[in-house]
């Protein structure tokens, strides 16, 4: 093994294929996208250099800012509602008998194994204002005033779309938290109980600090997943009604491919990458400071 890592040719053979993939799949497309963000182009025909006009337009684009708001809303809901619920359920599963826990984990994880198309179609039918199951259940319980066109109401549509995403992604969060909880040494918990720690203190002062690497990974995944949400939104509402369910990835696709504004679409993609990188590094710095303070 030492001779292998001491051989520069062997190292090059092992490293170059990976670097080549990153170069052609990530670096070069980013450079091309950045260059195209300075032009006006429909995807064919004449390409006109317009400088920073696409970015100036982007700063005044209300739909773009709405898409960014919806992404941030999804991030907050995922972190503070989905993850809290997943952590609570995972902590219960760790206390159950192994067979029971395994069955329940499987049930919770089933939505994560389904196709996005199947999941979206299922919930679009459930939310349907005429024959949807949700409105029928509300009517049976005498709550007709609560019934509505869930995906057609600007105020309700965003929450309906977020619910679909949370329902499909809950199994992954549960799996991460369950795996993290199973790695917490029982000796730490027993020592904390001996010192008089209650359940809340045990979680906040022992379990969560020990699981910081897991929490960081989960939150980074949540942020990246929220930023790239497109398929479910496209299949359920296409960003409507009135752009109330618009997300950055979907808006980028629409401007570039639906309206043939490739220059403007690439300007959105550049800002998309900057936001993703900034949020990721911000989260890493926050967790680094938290770990140092423990």
Protein backbone atom coordinates (compact mmCIF):
# COMPACT_ATOMS: atom_id res chain seq x y z
CA UNK A 1 0.00 0.00 0.00
CA UNK A 2 2.83 2.40 0.84
CA UNK A 3 4.54 1.66 -2.47
CA UNK A 4 1.27 2.33 -4.30
CA UNK A 5 0.76 5.78 -2.76
CA UNK A 6 4.43 6.57 -3.24
CA UNK A 7 4.15 5.94 -6.98
CA UNK A 8 3.17 9.22 -8.70
CA UNK A 9 2.09 7.47 -11.89
CA UNK A 10 -0.25 5.20 -9.96
CA UNK A 11 -1.70 8.19 -8.13
CA UNK A 12 -2.25 9.98 -11.45
CA UNK A 13 -4.02 6.95 -12.93
CA UNK A 14 -6.37 6.84 -9.94
CA UNK A 15 -7.03 10.59 -9.70
CA UNK A 16 -7.21 11.75 -13.34
CA UNK A 17 -10.45 9.88 -14.28
CA UNK A 18 -12.30 11.47 -11.36
CA UNK A 19 -10.92 14.92 -12.15
CA UNK A 20 -11.89 14.48 -15.80
CA UNK A 21 -15.47 13.65 -14.86
CA UNK A 22 -15.67 16.68 -12.57
CA UNK A 23 -14.13 18.89 -15.27
CA UNK A 24 -16.48 17.85 -18.08
CA UNK A 25 -19.63 17.36 -15.95
CA UNK A 26 -19.33 20.33 -13.58
CA UNK A 27 -16.56 22.86 -14.25
CA UNK A 28 -16.96 23.30 -18.02
CA UNK A 29 -20.80 23.55 -17.93
CA UNK A 30 -20.51 26.18 -15.17
CA UNK A 31 -18.08 28.24 -17.24
CA UNK A 32 -20.31 27.99 -20.32
CA UNK A 33 -23.39 28.91 -18.28
CA UNK A 34 -21.59 31.92 -16.83
CA UNK A 35 -20.57 33.08 -20.32
CA UNK A 36 -24.10 32.66 -21.71
CA UNK A 37 -25.54 34.72 -18.85
CA UNK A 38 -24.14 37.83 -20.55
CA UNK A 39 -25.94 37.30 -23.86
CA UNK A 40 -29.43 37.46 -25.31
CA UNK A 41 -30.09 34.21 -27.13
CA UNK A 42 -33.15 32.13 -27.95
CA UNK A 43 -31.17 28.91 -28.31
CA UNK A 44 -30.72 29.28 -32.05
CA UNK A 45 -29.91 32.11 -34.41
CA UNK A 46 -28.05 35.27 -33.50
CA UNK A 47 -26.42 35.63 -30.08
CA UNK A 48 -26.18 39.22 -28.80
CA UNK A 49 -23.85 40.31 -26.01
CA UNK A 50 -25.81 42.47 -23.52
CA UNK A 51 -23.44 42.60 -20.55
CA UNK A 52 -25.13 42.70 -17.15
CA UNK A 53 -28.66 43.32 -18.46
CA UNK A 54 -29.83 39.81 -17.55
CA UNK A 55 -28.65 40.29 -13.97
CA UNK A 56 -30.21 43.77 -13.77
CA UNK A 57 -33.48 42.29 -14.98
CA UNK A 58 -33.16 39.46 -12.47
CA UNK A 59 -32.86 41.88 -9.56
CA UNK A 60 -36.24 43.41 -10.54
CA UNK A 61 -37.95 40.11 -11.36
CA UNK A 62 -40.77 39.62 -8.83
CA UNK A 63 -41.27 36.01 -9.95
CA UNK A 64 -37.64 35.17 -9.23
CA UNK A 65 -37.87 36.63 -5.73
CA UNK A 66 -41.11 34.71 -5.18
CA UNK A 67 -39.32 31.51 -6.23
CA UNK A 68 -36.51 32.27 -3.78
CA UNK A 69 -39.06 32.94 -1.01
CA UNK A 70 -40.73 29.58 -1.65
CA UNK A 71 -37.37 27.80 -1.54
CA UNK A 72 -36.49 29.44 1.79
CA UNK A 73 -39.94 28.55 3.13
CA UNK A 74 -39.41 24.91 2.14
CA UNK A 75 -35.96 24.91 3.79
CA UNK A 76 -37.40 26.23 7.06
CA UNK A 77 -40.30 23.76 7.03
CA UNK A 78 -37.95 20.87 6.25
CA UNK A 79 -35.45 21.77 8.97
CA UNK A 80 -37.80 22.81 11.77
CA UNK A 81 -40.88 20.65 11.13
CA UNK A 82 -39.91 17.58 9.09
CA UNK A 83 -36.60 17.04 10.88
CA UNK A 84 -38.06 17.58 14.34
CA UNK A 85 -40.83 15.07 13.60
CA UNK A 86 -38.34 12.61 12.08
CA UNK A 87 -36.04 12.91 15.11
CA UNK A 88 -38.98 12.32 17.48
CA UNK A 89 -40.17 9.25 15.55
CA UNK A 90 -36.61 7.91 15.22
CA UNK A 91 -36.02 8.27 18.96
CA UNK A 92 -39.17 6.21 19.60
CA UNK A 93 -38.12 3.54 17.11
CA UNK A 94 -34.77 3.10 18.87
CA UNK A 95 -36.65 2.10 22.04
CA UNK A 96 -38.90 -0.48 20.37
CA UNK A 97 -38.25 -4.16 19.78
CA UNK A 98 -36.00 -4.67 16.75
CA UNK A 99 -38.64 -6.49 14.69
CA UNK A 100 -41.30 -3.86 15.37
CA UNK A 101 -38.84 -1.06 14.69
CA UNK A 102 -37.77 -2.65 11.40
CA UNK A 103 -41.39 -3.00 10.21
CA UNK A 104 -42.21 0.61 11.08
CA UNK A 105 -39.02 1.92 9.45
CA UNK A 106 -39.94 0.07 6.29
CA UNK A 107 -43.45 1.55 6.29
CA UNK A 108 -42.15 5.09 6.84
CA UNK A 109 -39.56 4.67 4.09
CA UNK A 110 -41.97 3.40 1.41
CA UNK A 111 -42.85 6.91 0.09
CA UNK A 112 -39.14 7.61 -0.46
CA UNK A 113 -38.88 4.56 -2.74
CA UNK A 114 -41.77 5.60 -4.97
CA UNK A 115 -41.32 7.47 -8.24
CA UNK A 116 -41.74 11.24 -8.02
CA UNK A 117 -44.34 10.98 -10.79
CA UNK A 118 -46.35 8.40 -8.83
CA UNK A 119 -46.16 10.39 -5.59
CA UNK A 120 -47.19 13.64 -7.27
CA UNK A 121 -50.05 12.04 -9.21
CA UNK A 122 -51.29 10.40 -6.00
CA UNK A 123 -51.46 13.68 -4.08
CA UNK A 124 -52.83 15.67 -7.03
CA UNK A 125 -55.76 13.25 -7.02
CA UNK A 126 -56.14 13.49 -3.23
CA UNK A 127 -56.16 17.30 -3.43
CA UNK A 128 -58.59 17.41 -6.37
CA UNK A 129 -61.48 19.80 -5.51
CA UNK A 130 -64.24 17.58 -6.96
CA UNK A 131 -63.36 13.92 -6.42
CA UNK A 132 -60.33 14.30 -4.13
CA UNK A 133 -60.24 12.24 -0.95
CA UNK A 134 -59.26 15.17 1.27
CA UNK A 135 -62.34 17.27 0.51
CA UNK A 136 -64.60 14.21 0.81
CA UNK A 137 -63.19 13.42 4.27
CA UNK A 138 -63.67 17.03 5.39
CA UNK A 139 -67.26 16.93 4.13
CA UNK A 140 -67.98 13.69 6.00
CA UNK A 141 -66.85 15.33 9.26
CA UNK A 142 -68.97 18.42 8.62
CA UNK A 143 -66.07 20.67 7.68
CA UNK A 144 -67.34 21.79 4.28
CA UNK A 145 -66.03 25.31 4.94
CA UNK A 146 -62.50 23.89 4.93
CA UNK A 147 -62.84 22.33 1.48
CA UNK A 148 -61.14 24.12 -1.40
CA UNK A 149 -59.21 23.68 -4.61
CA UNK A 150 -56.01 22.92 -2.74
CA UNK A 151 -53.73 23.23 -5.76
CA UNK A 152 -55.78 26.04 -7.30
CA UNK A 153 -55.92 28.37 -4.31
CA UNK A 154 -52.89 30.73 -4.23
CA UNK A 155 -52.84 30.67 -0.42
CA UNK A 156 -53.20 26.90 -0.04
CA UNK A 157 -51.24 25.68 -3.07
CA UNK A 158 -47.76 26.34 -1.67
CA UNK A 159 -48.56 24.41 1.51
CA UNK A 160 -50.08 21.54 -0.50
CA UNK A 161 -46.93 21.31 -2.65
CA UNK A 162 -44.65 21.49 0.39
CA UNK A 163 -46.70 18.73 2.03
CA UNK A 164 -46.11 16.46 -0.98
CA UNK A 165 -42.36 17.07 -0.75
CA UNK A 166 -42.29 16.49 3.01
CA UNK A 167 -44.36 13.31 2.74
CA UNK A 168 -42.01 11.89 0.11
CA UNK A 169 -38.81 12.93 1.89
CA UNK A 170 -39.73 12.06 5.49
CA UNK A 171 -38.37 8.52 5.18
CA UNK A 172 -34.88 9.75 4.33
CA UNK A 173 -34.78 12.10 7.31
CA UNK A 174 -36.02 9.31 9.57
CA UNK A 175 -33.34 6.95 8.26
CA UNK A 176 -30.53 9.46 8.89
CA UNK A 177 -31.72 10.27 12.41
CA UNK A 178 -32.26 6.62 13.30
CA UNK A 179 -28.75 5.75 12.13
CA UNK A 180 -27.31 8.68 14.07
CA UNK A 181 -29.18 7.81 17.27
CA UNK A 182 -27.99 4.22 17.10
CA UNK A 183 -24.37 5.44 17.21
CA UNK A 184 -24.80 7.40 20.46
CA UNK A 185 -22.99 5.41 23.19
CA UNK A 186 -25.37 4.17 25.86
CA UNK A 187 -22.68 4.98 28.45
CA UNK A 188 -23.09 8.70 27.77
CA UNK A 189 -26.84 8.53 28.30
CA UNK A 190 -26.47 6.47 31.48
CA UNK A 191 -23.87 8.90 32.88
CA UNK A 192 -26.16 11.84 32.15
CA UNK A 193 -29.07 10.13 33.92
CA UNK A 194 -26.86 9.41 36.93
CA UNK A 195 -26.01 13.13 37.05
CA UNK A 196 -29.73 13.90 37.23
CA UNK A 197 -30.41 14.94 33.62
CA UNK A 198 -34.04 14.75 32.52
CA UNK A 199 -35.12 13.64 29.03
CA UNK A 200 -34.94 17.14 27.51
CA UNK A 201 -31.50 17.81 28.98
CA UNK A 202 -30.33 14.40 27.79
CA UNK A 203 -31.37 15.23 24.22
CA UNK A 204 -30.06 18.81 24.11
CA UNK A 205 -26.80 18.31 26.05
CA UNK A 206 -25.78 14.77 25.10
CA UNK A 207 -27.56 13.32 22.06
CA UNK A 208 -27.68 16.33 19.73
CA UNK A 209 -24.06 17.46 20.38
CA UNK A 210 -22.86 13.91 19.68
CA UNK A 211 -24.90 13.86 16.45
CA UNK A 212 -23.58 17.20 15.11
CA UNK A 213 -21.94 15.61 12.01
CA UNK A 214 -25.22 13.83 11.22
CA UNK A 215 -27.24 17.02 11.73
CA UNK A 216 -24.90 18.96 9.47
CA UNK A 217 -25.24 16.38 6.70
CA UNK A 218 -29.03 16.31 7.02
CA UNK A 219 -29.37 20.10 6.87
CA UNK A 220 -27.01 20.43 3.90
CA UNK A 221 -29.02 17.77 2.07
CA UNK A 222 -32.25 19.60 2.99
CA UNK A 223 -30.94 22.88 1.58
CA UNK A 224 -29.65 21.36 -1.67
CA UNK A 225 -32.84 19.31 -2.11
CA UNK A 226 -35.03 22.37 -1.54
CA UNK A 227 -33.06 24.42 -4.05
CA UNK A 228 -33.35 21.83 -6.82
CA UNK A 229 -37.04 21.03 -6.37
CA UNK A 230 -38.66 21.01 -9.79
CA UNK A 231 -40.34 17.77 -10.83
CA UNK A 232 -43.05 17.71 -8.16
CA UNK A 233 -43.89 21.37 -8.69
CA UNK A 234 -43.96 20.98 -12.47
CA UNK A 235 -46.20 17.91 -12.32
CA UNK A 236 -48.61 19.38 -9.75
CA UNK A 237 -48.99 23.11 -10.40
CA UNK A 238 -46.29 24.19 -12.94
CA UNK A 239 -45.56 27.08 -10.57
CA UNK A 240 -49.14 28.35 -10.39
CA UNK A 241 -51.60 29.60 -9.59
CA UNK A 242 -50.18 33.06 -10.16
CA UNK A 243 -46.57 31.95 -9.48
CA UNK A 244 -47.55 31.11 -5.88
CA UNK A 245 -45.68 27.79 -6.06
CA UNK A 246 -42.73 28.92 -8.15
CA UNK A 247 -39.30 27.47 -7.26
CA UNK A 248 -35.90 28.55 -8.59
CA UNK A 249 -35.13 25.34 -10.49
CA UNK A 250 -38.55 25.33 -12.16
CA UNK A 251 -38.37 29.03 -13.01
CA UNK A 252 -34.92 28.51 -14.55
CA UNK A 253 -36.31 25.69 -16.71
CA UNK A 254 -39.31 27.74 -17.80
CA UNK A 255 -37.31 30.82 -18.83
CA UNK A 256 -34.71 28.79 -20.72
CA UNK A 257 -36.78 26.07 -22.39
CA UNK A 258 -40.40 27.23 -22.35
CA UNK A 259 -39.79 30.86 -23.29
CA UNK A 260 -36.45 30.30 -25.09
CA UNK A 261 -34.58 32.89 -23.01
CA UNK A 262 -31.33 30.97 -22.67
CA UNK A 263 -29.27 33.96 -21.62
CA UNK A 264 -31.69 34.90 -18.87
CA UNK A 265 -32.05 31.27 -17.81
CA UNK A 266 -28.27 30.98 -17.45
CA UNK A 267 -28.19 34.17 -15.36
CA UNK A 268 -30.69 32.50 -13.02
CA UNK A 269 -28.53 29.36 -12.96
CA UNK A 270 -25.41 31.35 -12.01
CA UNK A 271 -27.24 33.01 -9.13
CA UNK A 272 -28.69 29.59 -8.24
CA UNK A 273 -25.17 28.16 -7.84
CA UNK A 274 -23.99 31.17 -5.82
CA UNK A 275 -26.96 30.84 -3.41
CA UNK A 276 -26.41 27.08 -3.04
CA UNK A 277 -22.69 27.46 -2.32
CA UNK A 278 -23.26 30.38 0.09
CA UNK A 279 -25.91 28.48 2.06
CA UNK A 280 -23.77 25.34 2.20
CA UNK A 281 -20.68 27.16 3.45
CA UNK A 282 -22.80 29.18 5.88
CA UNK A 283 -24.23 26.01 7.39
CA UNK A 284 -20.76 24.47 7.67
CA UNK A 285 -19.42 27.55 9.48
CA UNK A 286 -22.36 27.56 11.89
CA UNK A 287 -21.83 23.90 12.75
CA UNK A 288 -18.06 24.40 13.04
CA UNK A 289 -18.60 27.14 15.63
CA UNK A 290 -21.16 24.98 17.44
CA UNK A 291 -18.72 22.07 17.65
CA UNK A 292 -15.96 24.35 18.95
CA UNK A 293 -18.25 25.64 21.70
CA UNK A 294 -19.16 22.13 22.91
